[in-house]
């Protein structure tokens, strides 16, 4: 949906701004992360930037 590498998603779940909301299932390093569609769509909307026109 985002068209980015898995490592990008992992980084933006925990330590790199903007943070991507997720639901954690389980504990520790083997915990699975799941994403609510509405949260991902909101993330995209809030982080969409329009390019400035060049003169």
N, C-alpha and C. Protein backbone atom coordinates (compact mmCIF):
# COMPACT_ATOMS: atom_id res chain seq x y z
N UNK A 1 0.82 -1.20 0.00
CA UNK A 1 0.00 0.00 0.00
C UNK A 1 0.86 1.26 0.00
N UNK A 2 1.96 1.22 0.74
CA UNK A 2 2.85 2.38 0.78
C UNK A 2 3.92 2.34 -0.31
N UNK A 3 4.20 1.15 -0.82
CA UNK A 3 5.20 1.03 -1.87
C UNK A 3 6.61 1.27 -1.39
N UNK A 4 6.90 0.87 -0.14
CA UNK A 4 8.24 1.05 0.42
C UNK A 4 8.77 -0.29 0.93
N UNK A 5 10.05 -0.32 1.23
CA UNK A 5 10.69 -1.52 1.74
C UNK A 5 10.22 -1.84 3.16
N UNK A 6 10.25 -3.12 3.52
CA UNK A 6 9.86 -3.56 4.86
C UNK A 6 10.68 -2.85 5.94
N UNK A 7 11.96 -2.62 5.69
CA UNK A 7 12.80 -1.95 6.69
C UNK A 7 12.31 -0.53 6.95
N UNK A 8 11.78 0.16 5.94
CA UNK A 8 11.23 1.50 6.11
C UNK A 8 10.04 1.44 7.06
N UNK A 9 9.17 0.47 6.84
CA UNK A 9 7.98 0.31 7.70
C UNK A 9 8.41 0.03 9.13
N UNK A 10 9.34 -0.89 9.33
CA UNK A 10 9.81 -1.21 10.68
C UNK A 10 10.38 0.03 11.37
N UNK A 11 11.18 0.80 10.67
CA UNK A 11 11.77 2.01 11.24
C UNK A 11 10.69 3.02 11.63
N UNK A 12 9.68 3.19 10.80
CA UNK A 12 8.65 4.19 11.05
C UNK A 12 7.59 3.72 12.04
N UNK A 13 7.68 2.48 12.47
CA UNK A 13 6.80 2.01 13.54
C UNK A 13 7.36 2.35 14.91
N UNK A 14 8.67 2.47 15.01
CA UNK A 14 9.27 2.57 16.34
C UNK A 14 10.20 3.75 16.57
N UNK A 15 10.91 4.23 15.55
CA UNK A 15 11.97 5.18 15.89
C UNK A 15 12.16 6.34 14.93
N UNK A 16 11.57 6.32 13.77
CA UNK A 16 11.78 7.39 12.79
C UNK A 16 10.46 8.12 12.56
N UNK A 17 10.52 9.45 12.64
CA UNK A 17 9.33 10.27 12.38
C UNK A 17 9.11 10.38 10.88
N UNK A 18 7.90 10.42 10.41
CA UNK A 18 6.66 10.29 11.16
C UNK A 18 6.39 8.83 11.53
N UNK A 19 5.80 8.64 12.71
CA UNK A 19 5.55 7.29 13.19
C UNK A 19 4.28 6.72 12.56
N UNK A 20 4.37 5.48 12.15
CA UNK A 20 3.26 4.76 11.53
C UNK A 20 2.54 3.96 12.61
N UNK A 21 1.25 4.21 12.84
CA UNK A 21 0.54 3.48 13.89
C UNK A 21 0.38 2.00 13.54
N UNK A 22 0.46 1.15 14.56
CA UNK A 22 0.30 -0.28 14.36
C UNK A 22 -0.28 -0.94 15.60
N UNK A 23 -0.76 -2.15 15.42
CA UNK A 23 -1.24 -2.98 16.53
C UNK A 23 -0.21 -4.07 16.72
N UNK A 24 0.28 -4.24 17.94
CA UNK A 24 1.28 -5.26 18.22
C UNK A 24 0.60 -6.50 18.77
N UNK A 25 0.89 -7.64 18.18
CA UNK A 25 0.35 -8.92 18.61
C UNK A 25 1.49 -9.74 19.19
N UNK A 26 1.47 -9.96 20.48
CA UNK A 26 2.53 -10.70 21.14
C UNK A 26 3.55 -9.77 21.78
N UNK A 27 4.62 -10.40 22.30
CA UNK A 27 5.65 -9.64 23.01
C UNK A 27 7.02 -9.94 22.42
N UNK A 28 7.94 -9.04 22.67
CA UNK A 28 9.33 -9.26 22.30
C UNK A 28 9.61 -9.14 20.82
N UNK A 29 10.76 -9.69 20.43
CA UNK A 29 11.23 -9.56 19.04
C UNK A 29 10.37 -10.31 18.04
N UNK A 30 9.64 -11.32 18.51
CA UNK A 30 8.83 -12.12 17.58
C UNK A 30 7.39 -11.60 17.46
N UNK A 31 7.10 -10.49 18.13
CA UNK A 31 5.75 -9.92 18.06
C UNK A 31 5.44 -9.51 16.62
N UNK A 32 4.21 -9.73 16.23
CA UNK A 32 3.76 -9.34 14.89
C UNK A 32 3.15 -7.96 14.95
N UNK A 33 3.30 -7.22 13.88
CA UNK A 33 2.66 -5.90 13.77
C UNK A 33 1.62 -5.97 12.68
N UNK A 34 0.47 -5.40 12.98
CA UNK A 34 -0.62 -5.34 12.01
C UNK A 34 -1.06 -3.89 11.91
N UNK A 35 -1.61 -3.54 10.76
CA UNK A 35 -1.94 -2.16 10.47
C UNK A 35 -3.41 -2.05 10.09
N UNK A 36 -4.09 -1.08 10.72
CA UNK A 36 -5.48 -0.81 10.36
C UNK A 36 -5.48 0.06 9.11
N UNK A 37 -6.29 -0.33 8.14
CA UNK A 37 -6.34 0.39 6.88
C UNK A 37 -6.60 1.88 7.09
N UNK A 38 -7.54 2.22 7.97
CA UNK A 38 -7.86 3.64 8.18
C UNK A 38 -6.68 4.40 8.77
N UNK A 39 -5.86 3.75 9.59
CA UNK A 39 -4.68 4.41 10.15
C UNK A 39 -3.63 4.66 9.06
N UNK A 40 -3.47 3.70 8.17
CA UNK A 40 -2.50 3.87 7.08
C UNK A 40 -2.97 4.98 6.15
N UNK A 41 -4.25 5.01 5.83
CA UNK A 41 -4.78 6.07 4.97
C UNK A 41 -4.62 7.44 5.61
N UNK A 42 -4.86 7.53 6.92
CA UNK A 42 -4.65 8.79 7.64
C UNK A 42 -3.18 9.19 7.62
N UNK A 43 -2.30 8.22 7.83
CA UNK A 43 -0.86 8.46 7.78
C UNK A 43 -0.48 9.05 6.42
N UNK A 44 -0.98 8.46 5.36
CA UNK A 44 -0.68 8.95 4.02
C UNK A 44 -1.21 10.37 3.84
N UNK A 45 -2.44 10.59 4.25
CA UNK A 45 -3.06 11.91 4.11
C UNK A 45 -2.27 12.98 4.88
N UNK A 46 -1.90 12.67 6.11
CA UNK A 46 -1.20 13.64 6.96
C UNK A 46 0.23 13.93 6.49
N UNK A 47 0.79 13.02 5.71
CA UNK A 47 2.19 13.18 5.30
C UNK A 47 2.35 13.43 3.81
N UNK A 48 1.27 13.75 3.15
CA UNK A 48 1.32 14.08 1.73
C UNK A 48 1.76 15.52 1.56
N UNK A 49 2.74 15.74 0.72
CA UNK A 49 3.25 17.08 0.46
C UNK A 49 3.09 17.37 -1.02
N UNK A 50 2.64 18.56 -1.32
CA UNK A 50 2.49 18.99 -2.70
C UNK A 50 3.77 19.73 -3.11
N UNK A 51 4.30 19.40 -4.28
CA UNK A 51 5.51 20.11 -4.72
C UNK A 51 5.21 21.57 -5.01
N UNK A 52 6.21 22.41 -4.76
CA UNK A 52 6.07 23.83 -5.07
C UNK A 52 6.35 24.04 -6.54
N UNK A 53 5.62 24.97 -7.13
CA UNK A 53 5.85 25.31 -8.54
C UNK A 53 7.16 26.05 -8.67
N UNK A 54 7.89 25.70 -9.71
CA UNK A 54 9.11 26.44 -10.02
C UNK A 54 8.80 27.50 -11.04
N UNK A 55 9.41 28.66 -10.88
CA UNK A 55 9.16 29.77 -11.81
C UNK A 55 9.99 29.66 -13.05
